[in-house]
PDB file of N, CA and C in Angstrom:
ATOM      1  N   UNK A   1       0.578  -1.101  -0.128  1.00  0.00           N
ATOM      2  CA  UNK A   1      -0.222   0.066  -0.076  1.00  0.00           C
ATOM      3  C   UNK A   1       0.919   1.437   0.233  1.00  0.00           C
ATOM      4  N   UNK A   2       2.076   1.433   0.631  1.00  0.00           N
ATOM      5  CA  UNK A   2       3.267   2.558   0.777  1.00  0.00           C
ATOM      6  C   UNK A   2       3.549   3.199  -0.718  1.00  0.00           C
ATOM      7  N   UNK A   3       3.231   2.088  -1.466  1.00  0.00           N
ATOM      8  CA  UNK A   3       3.589   2.911  -2.903  1.00  0.00           C
ATOM      9  C   UNK A   3       2.455   3.622  -3.543  1.00  0.00           C
ATOM     10  N   UNK A   4       1.005   2.774  -3.203  1.00  0.00           N
ATOM     11  CA  UNK A   4      -0.007   3.268  -3.937  1.00  0.00           C
ATOM     12  C   UNK A   4       0.278   4.444  -3.555  1.00  0.00           C
ATOM     13  N   UNK A   5      -0.051   4.878  -2.349  1.00  0.00           N
ATOM     14  CA  UNK A   5      -0.493   6.029  -1.111  1.00  0.00           C
ATOM     15  C   UNK A   5       0.507   7.008  -1.666  1.00  0.00           C
ATOM     16  N   UNK A   6      -0.225   8.205  -1.910  1.00  0.00           N
ATOM     17  CA  UNK A   6       1.011   9.164  -2.147  1.00  0.00           C
ATOM     18  C   UNK A   6       1.622   9.633  -3.947  1.00  0.00           C
ATOM     19  N   UNK A   7       0.937   8.523  -4.413  1.00  0.00           N
ATOM     20  CA  UNK A   7       0.905   9.534  -5.845  1.00  0.00           C
ATOM     21  C   UNK A   7      -0.538  10.481  -6.824  1.00  0.00           C
ATOM     22  N   UNK A   8      -0.758  11.275  -5.483  1.00  0.00           N
ATOM     23  CA  UNK A   8      -1.502  12.159  -6.063  1.00  0.00           C
ATOM     24  C   UNK A   8      -2.898  12.092  -5.924  1.00  0.00           C
ATOM     25  N   UNK A   9      -3.268  10.798  -5.532  1.00  0.00           N
ATOM     26  CA  UNK A   9      -4.402  10.348  -5.889  1.00  0.00           C
ATOM     27  C   UNK A   9      -5.343  11.092  -4.360  1.00  0.00           C
ATOM     28  N   UNK A  10      -6.815  11.386  -4.338  1.00  0.00           N
ATOM     29  CA  UNK A  10      -7.217  12.210  -3.510  1.00  0.00           C
ATOM     30  C   UNK A  10      -7.457  10.753  -2.764  1.00  0.00           C
ATOM     31  N   UNK A  11      -6.854  10.775  -1.367  1.00  0.00           N
ATOM     32  CA  UNK A  11      -7.449   9.488  -0.278  1.00  0.00           C
ATOM     33  C   UNK A  11      -7.574  10.114   1.007  1.00  0.00           C
ATOM     34  N   UNK A  12      -7.964   9.476   1.490  1.00  0.00           N
ATOM     35  CA  UNK A  12      -8.338   9.697   2.960  1.00  0.00           C
ATOM     36  C   UNK A  12      -7.682   8.381   3.890  1.00  0.00           C
ATOM     37  N   UNK A  13      -6.597   8.636   4.634  1.00  0.00           N
ATOM     38  CA  UNK A  13      -5.903   7.352   5.407  1.00  0.00           C
ATOM     39  C   UNK A  13      -6.576   7.806   7.068  1.00  0.00           C
ATOM     40  N   UNK A  14      -6.254   6.326   7.552  1.00  0.00           N
ATOM     41  CA  UNK A  14      -6.691   6.311   9.026  1.00  0.00           C
ATOM     42  C   UNK A  14      -5.668   5.896   9.561  1.00  0.00           C
ATOM     43  N   UNK A  15      -5.214   6.440  10.545  1.00  0.00           N
ATOM     44  CA  UNK A  15      -3.630   6.031  10.897  1.00  0.00           C
ATOM     45  C   UNK A  15      -3.267   5.914  12.305  1.00  0.00           C
ATOM     46  N   UNK A  16      -2.546   5.052  13.567  1.00  0.00           N
ATOM     47  CA  UNK A  16      -2.146   5.735  14.293  1.00  0.00           C
ATOM     48  C   UNK A  16      -1.070   6.752  14.749  1.00  0.00           C
ATOM     49  N   UNK A  17      -1.176   7.527  15.203  1.00  0.00           N
ATOM     50  CA  UNK A  17      -0.571   8.825  15.019  1.00  0.00           C
ATOM     51  C   UNK A  17       0.610   8.507  16.046  1.00  0.00           C
ATOM     52  N   UNK A  18       1.976   8.676  15.718  1.00  0.00           N
ATOM     53  CA  UNK A  18       2.942   7.826  17.099  1.00  0.00           C
ATOM     54  C   UNK A  18       3.361   8.594  17.581  1.00  0.00           C
ATOM     55  N   UNK A  19       2.948  10.169  17.595  1.00  0.00           N
ATOM     56  CA  UNK A  19       3.249  10.939  19.004  1.00  0.00           C
ATOM     57  C   UNK A  19       1.951  10.805  20.004  1.00  0.00           C
ATOM     58  N   UNK A  20       1.125  10.635  19.946  1.00  0.00           N
ATOM     59  CA  UNK A  20      -0.407  10.732  20.567  1.00  0.00           C
ATOM     60  C   UNK A  20      -0.895   9.306  20.738  1.00  0.00           C
ATOM     61  N   UNK A  21      -0.676   8.416  20.232  1.00  0.00           N
ATOM     62  CA  UNK A  21      -1.258   7.074  20.065  1.00  0.00           C
ATOM     63  C   UNK A  21      -2.343   6.586  19.714  1.00  0.00           C
ATOM     64  N   UNK A  22      -3.044   8.326  19.456  1.00  0.00           N
ATOM     65  CA  UNK A  22      -4.416   8.225  18.867  1.00  0.00           C
ATOM     66  C   UNK A  22      -4.392   7.756  17.261  1.00  0.00           C
ATOM     67  N   UNK A  23      -6.204   7.132  17.144  1.00  0.00           N
ATOM     68  CA  UNK A  23      -6.448   6.650  15.421  1.00  0.00           C
ATOM     69  C   UNK A  23      -6.846   8.502  15.516  1.00  0.00           C
ATOM     70  N   UNK A  24      -5.677   8.918  13.885  1.00  0.00           N
ATOM     71  CA  UNK A  24      -6.130   9.947  13.783  1.00  0.00           C
ATOM     72  C   UNK A  24      -6.395   9.378  11.652  1.00  0.00           C
ATOM     73  N   UNK A  25      -7.044  10.478  11.424  1.00  0.00           N
ATOM     74  CA  UNK A  25      -7.561  10.512   9.731  1.00  0.00           C
ATOM     75  C   UNK A  25      -7.587  11.867   9.423  1.00  0.00           C
ATOM     76  N   UNK A  26      -6.906  12.032   7.957  1.00  0.00           N
ATOM     77  CA  UNK A  26      -6.515  12.659   7.381  1.00  0.00           C
ATOM     78  C   UNK A  26      -6.188  12.560   5.549  1.00  0.00           C
ATOM     79  N   UNK A  27      -6.491  13.508   5.161  1.00  0.00           N
ATOM     80  CA  UNK A  27      -6.221  13.465   3.424  1.00  0.00           C
ATOM     81  C   UNK A  27      -4.564  12.874   3.229  1.00  0.00           C
ATOM     82  N   UNK A  28      -4.213  11.821   2.632  1.00  0.00           N
ATOM     83  CA  UNK A  28      -2.764  11.667   2.808  1.00  0.00           C
ATOM     84  C   UNK A  28      -2.177  12.895   1.685  1.00  0.00           C
ATOM     85  N   UNK A  29      -2.624  13.880   0.724  1.00  0.00           N
ATOM     86  CA  UNK A  29      -1.800  15.077   0.346  1.00  0.00           C
ATOM     87  C   UNK A  29      -1.782  16.013   1.124  1.00  0.00           C
ATOM     88  N   UNK A  30      -2.480  15.787   2.488  1.00  0.00           N
ATOM     89  CA  UNK A  30      -2.228  17.106   3.576  1.00  0.00           C
ATOM     90  C   UNK A  30      -1.613  17.107   4.522  1.00  0.00           C
ATOM     91  N   UNK A  31      -0.785  15.415   4.765  1.00  0.00           N
ATOM     92  CA  UNK A  31      -0.009  15.181   5.713  1.00  0.00           C
ATOM     93  C   UNK A  31       1.244  16.006   5.453  1.00  0.00           C
ATOM     94  N   UNK A  32       2.312  16.250   6.035  1.00  0.00           N
ATOM     95  CA  UNK A  32       4.099  16.563   6.247  1.00  0.00           C
ATOM     96  C   UNK A  32       4.573  15.066   5.751  1.00  0.00           C
ATOM     97  N   UNK A  33       5.790  15.482   5.028  1.00  0.00           N
ATOM     98  CA  UNK A  33       5.936  14.558   4.751  1.00  0.00           C
ATOM     99  C   UNK A  33       6.722  13.447   5.587  1.00  0.00           C
ATOM    100  N   UNK A  34       7.069  14.402   7.094  1.00  0.00           N
ATOM    101  CA  UNK A  34       7.365  13.322   7.876  1.00  0.00           C
ATOM    102  C   UNK A  34       6.558  12.176   8.540  1.00  0.00           C
ATOM    103  N   UNK A  35       5.615  12.767   8.683  1.00  0.00           N
ATOM    104  CA  UNK A  35       4.110  11.950   8.581  1.00  0.00           C
ATOM    105  C   UNK A  35       3.484  10.872   7.585  1.00  0.00           C
ATOM    106  N   UNK A  36       3.652  11.160   6.649  1.00  0.00           N
ATOM    107  CA  UNK A  36       3.759  10.095   5.649  1.00  0.00           C
ATOM    108  C   UNK A  36       4.919   9.133   5.531  1.00  0.00           C
ATOM    109  N   UNK A  37       6.090   9.875   5.674  1.00  0.00           N
ATOM    110  CA  UNK A  37       7.117   8.612   5.945  1.00  0.00           C
ATOM    111  C   UNK A  37       6.893   7.603   7.159  1.00  0.00           C
ATOM    112  N   UNK A  38       6.727   8.418   8.567  1.00  0.00           N
ATOM    113  CA  UNK A  38       6.343   7.154   9.234  1.00  0.00           C
ATOM    114  C   UNK A  38       5.295   6.719   9.128  1.00  0.00           C
ATOM    115  N   UNK A  39       4.131   6.680   8.532  1.00  0.00           N
ATOM    116  CA  UNK A  39       2.483   5.644   7.985  1.00  0.00           C
ATOM    117  C   UNK A  39       3.469   4.833   7.327  1.00  0.00           C
ATOM    118  N   UNK A  40       4.790   5.352   5.904  1.00  0.00           N
ATOM    119  CA  UNK A  40       4.829   4.280   5.368  1.00  0.00           C
ATOM    120  C   UNK A  40       5.825   3.362   5.797  1.00  0.00           C
ATOM    121  N   UNK A  41       6.387   3.905   6.424  1.00  0.00           N
ATOM    122  CA  UNK A  41       8.097   3.214   7.297  1.00  0.00           C
ATOM    123  C   UNK A  41       7.485   1.941   8.639  1.00  0.00           C
ATOM    124  N   UNK A  42       6.578   2.355   9.642  1.00  0.00           N
ATOM    125  CA  UNK A  42       5.770   2.067  10.184  1.00  0.00           C
ATOM    126  C   UNK A  42       4.794   1.080   9.788  1.00  0.00           C
ATOM    127  N   UNK A  43       4.049   1.088   8.673  1.00  0.00           N
ATOM    128  CA  UNK A  43       2.944   0.033   8.466  1.00  0.00           C
ATOM    129  C   UNK A  43       1.629   0.417   9.149  1.00  0.00           C
ATOM    130  N   UNK A  44       1.591   1.484   9.807  1.00  0.00           N
ATOM    131  CA  UNK A  44       0.420   1.735  10.905  1.00  0.00           C
ATOM    132  C   UNK A  44      -0.606   2.440  10.273  1.00  0.00           C
ATOM    133  N   UNK A  45      -0.855   2.364   9.037  1.00  0.00           N
ATOM    134  CA  UNK A  45      -2.175   2.240   8.251  1.00  0.00           C
ATOM    135  C   UNK A  45      -3.413   1.632   8.751  1.00  0.00           C
ATOM    136  N   UNK A  46      -4.665   1.973   9.032  1.00  0.00           N
ATOM    137  CA  UNK A  46      -5.533   1.264   9.626  1.00  0.00           C
ATOM    138  C   UNK A  46      -6.693   1.206   8.370  1.00  0.00           C
ATOM    139  N   UNK A  47      -6.987   2.188   7.259  1.00  0.00           N
ATOM    140  CA  UNK A  47      -7.486   2.186   6.307  1.00  0.00           C
ATOM    141  C   UNK A  47      -7.637   2.785   5.378  1.00  0.00           C
ATOM    142  N   UNK A  48      -8.051   3.350   4.205  1.00  0.00           N
ATOM    143  CA  UNK A  48      -7.495   3.980   3.265  1.00  0.00           C
ATOM    144  C   UNK A  48      -9.084   3.906   2.561  1.00  0.00           C
ATOM    145  N   UNK A  49      -9.518   5.282   2.871  1.00  0.00           N
ATOM    146  CA  UNK A  49     -11.157   5.674   2.061  1.00  0.00           C
ATOM    147  C   UNK A  49     -10.731   6.235   0.508  1.00  0.00           C
ATOM    148  N   UNK A  50     -11.021   5.783  -0.472  1.00  0.00           N
ATOM    149  CA  UNK A  50     -10.775   6.000  -2.099  1.00  0.00           C
ATOM    150  C   UNK A  50     -12.160   6.728  -3.000  1.00  0.00           C
ATOM    151  N   UNK A  51     -12.307   7.994  -2.984  1.00  0.00           N
ATOM    152  CA  UNK A  51     -13.478   8.380  -3.568  1.00  0.00           C
ATOM    153  C   UNK A  51     -13.986   7.404  -4.754  1.00  0.00           C
ATOM    154  N   UNK A  52     -15.079   6.887  -5.132  1.00  0.00           N
ATOM    155  CA  UNK A  52     -15.279   6.502  -6.432  1.00  0.00           C
ATOM    156  C   UNK A  52     -14.647   6.623  -7.774  1.00  0.00           C
ATOM    157  N   UNK A  53     -14.663   7.817  -7.648  1.00  0.00           N
ATOM    158  CA  UNK A  53     -14.094   8.874  -9.336  1.00  0.00           C
ATOM    159  C   UNK A  53     -12.855   8.446  -9.525  1.00  0.00           C
ATOM    160  N   UNK A  54     -11.791   7.612  -8.444  1.00  0.00           N
ATOM    161  CA  UNK A  54     -10.304   7.117  -8.803  1.00  0.00           C
ATOM    162  C   UNK A  54     -10.311   5.699  -8.484  1.00  0.00           C
ATOM    163  N   UNK A  55     -10.983   5.174  -8.576  1.00  0.00           N
ATOM    164  CA  UNK A  55     -10.981   3.823  -7.866  1.00  0.00           C
ATOM    165  C   UNK A  55     -10.579   3.300  -9.439  1.00  0.00           C
ATOM    166  N   UNK A  56     -11.003   3.639 -10.438  1.00  0.00           N
ATOM    167  CA  UNK A  56     -10.235   2.910 -11.792  1.00  0.00           C
ATOM    168  C   UNK A  56      -9.012   3.517 -11.721  1.00  0.00           C
ATOM    169  N   UNK A  57      -8.421   4.578 -11.650  1.00  0.00           N
ATOM    170  CA  UNK A  57      -6.826   5.304 -11.530  1.00  0.00           C
ATOM    171  C   UNK A  57      -6.234   4.021 -10.538  1.00  0.00           C
ATOM    172  N   UNK A  58      -6.827   3.551  -9.511  1.00  0.00           N
ATOM    173  CA  UNK A  58      -5.850   2.753  -8.933  1.00  0.00           C
ATOM    174  C   UNK A  58      -5.725   0.903  -9.423  1.00  0.00           C
ATOM    175  N   UNK A  59      -6.306   0.981 -10.734  1.00  0.00           N
ATOM    176  CA  UNK A  59      -6.139  -0.638 -11.311  1.00  0.00           C
ATOM    177  C   UNK A  59      -5.885  -0.009 -12.526  1.00  0.00           C
ATOM    178  N   UNK A  60      -5.588   1.347 -13.115  1.00  0.00           N
ATOM    179  CA  UNK A  60      -5.629   0.883 -14.402  1.00  0.00           C
ATOM    180  C   UNK A  60      -3.584   1.633 -14.578  1.00  0.00           C
TER     181      UNK A  60
END
């Protein structure tokens, strides 16, 4: 999933915030690079919400 997330698609990720230990949710492209790298490296993505309009781009 880490290779798919961050390629410019408008997705929302739910992840565990390493600083607080709480579950957080945010648009991938709105997260700072450090947080994106933490999520990619730690495998702490709980879910990814993809708008219906971009599903074809994920498979294409």
